[in-house]
Amino acid sequence: MDRFEAACRSDPAIHGAARIAGRFDYQLGSCHADLFDAERWRRSLEAHPDVLRIDQRIVRTVFGHGLHEVPLSGLRGAGGEGPASGPRRW
Protein backbone atom coordinates (compact mmCIF):
# COMPACT_ATOMS: atom_id res chain seq x y z
CA MET A 1 0.00 0.00 0.00
CA ASP A 2 2.93 2.33 0.60
CA ARG A 3 3.96 1.90 -3.04
CA PHE A 4 0.43 2.76 -4.23
CA GLU A 5 0.18 5.80 -1.96
CA ALA A 6 3.58 7.03 -3.19
CA ALA A 7 2.34 6.68 -6.78
CA CYS A 8 -0.78 8.69 -5.90
CA ARG A 9 1.30 11.46 -4.33
CA SER A 10 3.39 11.77 -7.48
CA ASP A 11 0.40 11.75 -9.89
CA PRO A 12 -0.35 15.38 -10.85
CA ALA A 13 -3.97 14.53 -11.71
CA ILE A 14 -4.75 13.36 -8.16
CA HIS A 15 -5.71 16.16 -5.80
CA GLY A 16 -6.66 13.97 -2.84
CA ALA A 17 -6.78 10.41 -1.53
CA ALA A 18 -8.58 8.84 1.42
CA ARG A 19 -8.58 5.32 2.88
CA ILE A 20 -12.18 4.10 3.07
CA ALA A 21 -13.98 1.11 4.58
CA GLY A 22 -16.19 -1.19 2.55
CA ARG A 23 -15.92 -2.59 -0.96
CA PHE A 24 -13.09 -0.22 -1.94
CA ASP A 25 -9.85 0.64 -0.18
CA TYR A 26 -9.24 4.16 -1.47
CA GLN A 27 -11.18 7.10 -2.78
CA LEU A 28 -9.18 9.33 -5.09
CA GLY A 29 -10.01 12.79 -6.33
CA SER A 30 -8.64 13.73 -9.72
CA CYS A 31 -9.06 16.50 -12.27
CA HIS A 32 -8.90 16.05 -16.05
CA ALA A 33 -9.13 18.30 -19.08
CA ASP A 34 -11.83 16.18 -20.74
CA LEU A 35 -13.41 12.70 -20.83
CA PHE A 36 -10.63 11.32 -23.04
CA ASP A 37 -8.00 12.45 -20.54
CA ALA A 38 -10.01 10.89 -17.69
CA GLU A 39 -10.21 7.59 -19.60
CA ARG A 40 -6.46 7.58 -20.32
CA TRP A 41 -5.79 8.26 -16.63
CA ARG A 42 -8.11 5.41 -15.54
CA ARG A 43 -6.33 2.98 -17.89
CA SER A 44 -2.93 4.01 -16.54
CA LEU A 45 -4.20 3.56 -12.98
CA GLU A 46 -5.55 0.09 -13.83
CA ALA A 47 -2.06 -0.85 -15.06
CA HIS A 48 -0.56 -0.16 -11.62
CA PRO A 49 0.49 -3.51 -10.10
CA ASP A 50 -1.35 -2.80 -6.82
CA VAL A 51 -4.74 -1.99 -8.36
CA LEU A 52 -7.33 -4.75 -8.81
CA ARG A 53 -10.51 -2.80 -9.57
CA ILE A 54 -11.66 0.75 -10.25
CA ASP A 55 -15.13 2.22 -10.05
CA GLN A 56 -14.81 5.50 -11.94
CA ARG A 57 -17.48 8.18 -11.69
CA ILE A 58 -17.40 11.09 -14.09
CA VAL A 59 -18.80 14.19 -12.42
CA ARG A 60 -19.58 17.45 -14.16
CA THR A 61 -19.89 20.16 -11.54
CA VAL A 62 -22.96 22.39 -11.80
CA PHE A 63 -21.72 24.73 -9.05
CA GLY A 64 -19.22 24.52 -6.20
CA HIS A 65 -15.59 23.46 -6.20
CA GLY A 66 -16.05 20.24 -8.21
CA LEU A 67 -13.46 18.15 -6.36
CA HIS A 68 -14.79 14.59 -6.35
CA GLU A 69 -13.18 11.19 -5.84
CA VAL A 70 -12.81 7.79 -7.54
CA PRO A 71 -13.19 4.71 -5.31
CA LEU A 72 -10.69 1.86 -5.73
CA SER A 73 -11.00 -1.70 -4.58
CA GLY A 74 -8.71 -4.50 -3.51
CA LEU A 75 -5.11 -3.42 -3.55
CA ARG A 76 -2.95 -6.45 -4.16
CA GLY A 77 -0.93 -7.83 -1.24
CA ALA A 78 2.85 -8.10 -1.25
CA GLY A 79 2.65 -11.27 -3.37
CA GLY A 80 0.83 -9.41 -6.13
CA GLU A 81 -2.37 -11.45 -5.97
CA GLY A 82 -5.60 -11.18 -4.06
CA PRO A 83 -6.67 -8.55 -1.58
CA ALA A 84 -4.15 -6.77 0.59
CA SER A 85 -3.21 -8.81 3.63
CA GLY A 86 -2.38 -7.79 7.14
CA PRO A 87 -3.94 -5.25 9.46
CA ARG A 88 -5.36 -2.11 7.94
CA ARG A 89 -3.79 1.15 8.99
CA TRP A 90 -6.31 3.95 9.13
C-alpha atoms as a PDB file:
ATOM      1  CA  MET A   1       0.000   0.000   0.000  1.00  0.00           C
ATOM      2  CA  ASP A   2       2.929   2.328   0.600  1.00  0.00           C
ATOM      3  CA  ARG A   3       3.956   1.903  -3.043  1.00  0.00           C
ATOM      4  CA  PHE A   4       0.433   2.759  -4.235  1.00  0.00           C
ATOM      5  CA  GLU A   5       0.182   5.799  -1.961  1.00  0.00           C
ATOM      6  CA  ALA A   6       3.582   7.028  -3.193  1.00  0.00           C
ATOM      7  CA  ALA A   7       2.343   6.677  -6.785  1.00  0.00           C
ATOM      8  CA  CYS A   8      -0.775   8.688  -5.901  1.00  0.00           C
ATOM      9  CA  ARG A   9       1.298  11.465  -4.329  1.00  0.00           C
ATOM     10  CA  SER A  10       3.391  11.768  -7.482  1.00  0.00           C
ATOM     11  CA  ASP A  11       0.404  11.755  -9.888  1.00  0.00           C
ATOM     12  CA  PRO A  12      -0.346  15.381 -10.852  1.00  0.00           C
ATOM     13  CA  ALA A  13      -3.975  14.527 -11.707  1.00  0.00           C
ATOM     14  CA  ILE A  14      -4.752  13.360  -8.155  1.00  0.00           C
ATOM     15  CA  HIS A  15      -5.714  16.164  -5.796  1.00  0.00           C
ATOM     16  CA  GLY A  16      -6.661  13.970  -2.837  1.00  0.00           C
ATOM     17  CA  ALA A  17      -6.785  10.413  -1.532  1.00  0.00           C
ATOM     18  CA  ALA A  18      -8.584   8.835   1.419  1.00  0.00           C
ATOM     19  CA  ARG A  19      -8.584   5.316   2.876  1.00  0.00           C
ATOM     20  CA  ILE A  20     -12.181   4.098   3.075  1.00  0.00           C
ATOM     21  CA  ALA A  21     -13.981   1.113   4.576  1.00  0.00           C
ATOM     22  CA  GLY A  22     -16.190  -1.187   2.552  1.00  0.00           C
ATOM     23  CA  ARG A  23     -15.920  -2.588  -0.958  1.00  0.00           C
ATOM     24  CA  PHE A  24     -13.094  -0.223  -1.943  1.00  0.00           C
ATOM     25  CA  ASP A  25      -9.854   0.640  -0.175  1.00  0.00           C
ATOM     26  CA  TYR A  26      -9.241   4.157  -1.466  1.00  0.00           C
ATOM     27  CA  GLN A  27     -11.182   7.096  -2.785  1.00  0.00           C
ATOM     28  CA  LEU A  28      -9.181   9.327  -5.090  1.00  0.00           C
ATOM     29  CA  GLY A  29     -10.010  12.792  -6.328  1.00  0.00           C
ATOM     30  CA  SER A  30      -8.644  13.727  -9.722  1.00  0.00           C
ATOM     31  CA  CYS A  31      -9.064  16.502 -12.274  1.00  0.00           C
ATOM     32  CA  HIS A  32      -8.902  16.045 -16.052  1.00  0.00           C
ATOM     33  CA  ALA A  33      -9.133  18.300 -19.082  1.00  0.00           C
ATOM     34  CA  ASP A  34     -11.828  16.175 -20.736  1.00  0.00           C
ATOM     35  CA  LEU A  35     -13.406  12.705 -20.835  1.00  0.00           C
ATOM     36  CA  PHE A  36     -10.633  11.319 -23.040  1.00  0.00           C
ATOM     37  CA  ASP A  37      -8.001  12.454 -20.544  1.00  0.00           C
ATOM     38  CA  ALA A  38     -10.011  10.888 -17.690  1.00  0.00           C
ATOM     39  CA  GLU A  39     -10.208   7.587 -19.598  1.00  0.00           C
ATOM     40  CA  ARG A  40      -6.458   7.581 -20.317  1.00  0.00           C
ATOM     41  CA  TRP A  41      -5.790   8.262 -16.627  1.00  0.00           C
ATOM     42  CA  ARG A  42      -8.107   5.411 -15.544  1.00  0.00           C
ATOM     43  CA  ARG A  43      -6.329   2.982 -17.889  1.00  0.00           C
ATOM     44  CA  SER A  44      -2.930   4.012 -16.543  1.00  0.00           C
ATOM     45  CA  LEU A  45      -4.204   3.560 -12.977  1.00  0.00           C
ATOM     46  CA  GLU A  46      -5.548   0.095 -13.830  1.00  0.00           C
ATOM     47  CA  ALA A  47      -2.065  -0.849 -15.063  1.00  0.00           C
ATOM     48  CA  HIS A  48      -0.557  -0.163 -11.622  1.00  0.00           C
ATOM     49  CA  PRO A  49       0.489  -3.510 -10.102  1.00  0.00           C
ATOM     50  CA  ASP A  50      -1.347  -2.797  -6.821  1.00  0.00           C
ATOM     51  CA  VAL A  51      -4.741  -1.993  -8.359  1.00  0.00           C
ATOM     52  CA  LEU A  52      -7.334  -4.752  -8.811  1.00  0.00           C
ATOM     53  CA  ARG A  53     -10.507  -2.804  -9.568  1.00  0.00           C
ATOM     54  CA  ILE A  54     -11.661   0.747 -10.254  1.00  0.00           C
ATOM     55  CA  ASP A  55     -15.135   2.221 -10.054  1.00  0.00           C
ATOM     56  CA  GLN A  56     -14.813   5.501 -11.935  1.00  0.00           C
ATOM     57  CA  ARG A  57     -17.484   8.176 -11.694  1.00  0.00           C
ATOM     58  CA  ILE A  58     -17.400  11.093 -14.087  1.00  0.00           C
ATOM     59  CA  VAL A  59     -18.804  14.191 -12.424  1.00  0.00           C
ATOM     60  CA  ARG A  60     -19.583  17.449 -14.158  1.00  0.00           C
ATOM     61  CA  THR A  61     -19.891  20.163 -11.543  1.00  0.00           C
ATOM     62  CA  VAL A  62     -22.960  22.394 -11.796  1.00  0.00           C
ATOM     63  CA  PHE A  63     -21.718  24.735  -9.051  1.00  0.00           C
ATOM     64  CA  GLY A  64     -19.216  24.523  -6.204  1.00  0.00           C
ATOM     65  CA  HIS A  65     -15.588  23.457  -6.202  1.00  0.00           C
ATOM     66  CA  GLY A  66     -16.052  20.240  -8.212  1.00  0.00           C
ATOM     67  CA  LEU A  67     -13.462  18.148  -6.359  1.00  0.00           C
ATOM     68  CA  HIS A  68     -14.791  14.587  -6.354  1.00  0.00           C
ATOM     69  CA  GLU A  69     -13.184  11.191  -5.840  1.00  0.00           C
ATOM     70  CA  VAL A  70     -12.815   7.792  -7.538  1.00  0.00           C
ATOM     71  CA  PRO A  71     -13.192   4.708  -5.308  1.00  0.00           C
ATOM     72  CA  LEU A  72     -10.690   1.865  -5.732  1.00  0.00           C
ATOM     73  CA  SER A  73     -10.999  -1.704  -4.582  1.00  0.00           C
ATOM     74  CA  GLY A  74      -8.710  -4.501  -3.515  1.00  0.00           C
ATOM     75  CA  LEU A  75      -5.113  -3.417  -3.547  1.00  0.00           C
ATOM     76  CA  ARG A  76      -2.954  -6.446  -4.155  1.00  0.00           C
ATOM     77  CA  GLY A  77      -0.927  -7.831  -1.242  1.00  0.00           C
ATOM     78  CA  ALA A  78       2.847  -8.099  -1.251  1.00  0.00           C
ATOM     79  CA  GLY A  79       2.653 -11.268  -3.372  1.00  0.00           C
ATOM     80  CA  GLY A  80       0.833  -9.411  -6.127  1.00  0.00           C
ATOM     81  CA  GLU A  81      -2.370 -11.452  -5.967  1.00  0.00           C
ATOM     82  CA  GLY A  82      -5.595 -11.182  -4.064  1.00  0.00           C
ATOM     83  CA  PRO A  83      -6.668  -8.551  -1.583  1.00  0.00           C
ATOM     84  CA  ALA A  84      -4.148  -6.769   0.585  1.00  0.00           C
ATOM     85  CA  SER A  85      -3.208  -8.806   3.629  1.00  0.00           C
ATOM     86  CA  GLY A  86      -2.376  -7.790   7.139  1.00  0.00           C
ATOM     87  CA  PRO A  87      -3.938  -5.245   9.464  1.00  0.00           C
ATOM     88  CA  ARG A  88      -5.364  -2.110   7.939  1.00  0.00           C
ATOM     89  CA  ARG A  89      -3.787   1.154   8.990  1.00  0.00           C
ATOM     90  CA  TRP A  90      -6.314   3.949   9.128  1.00  0.00           C
END
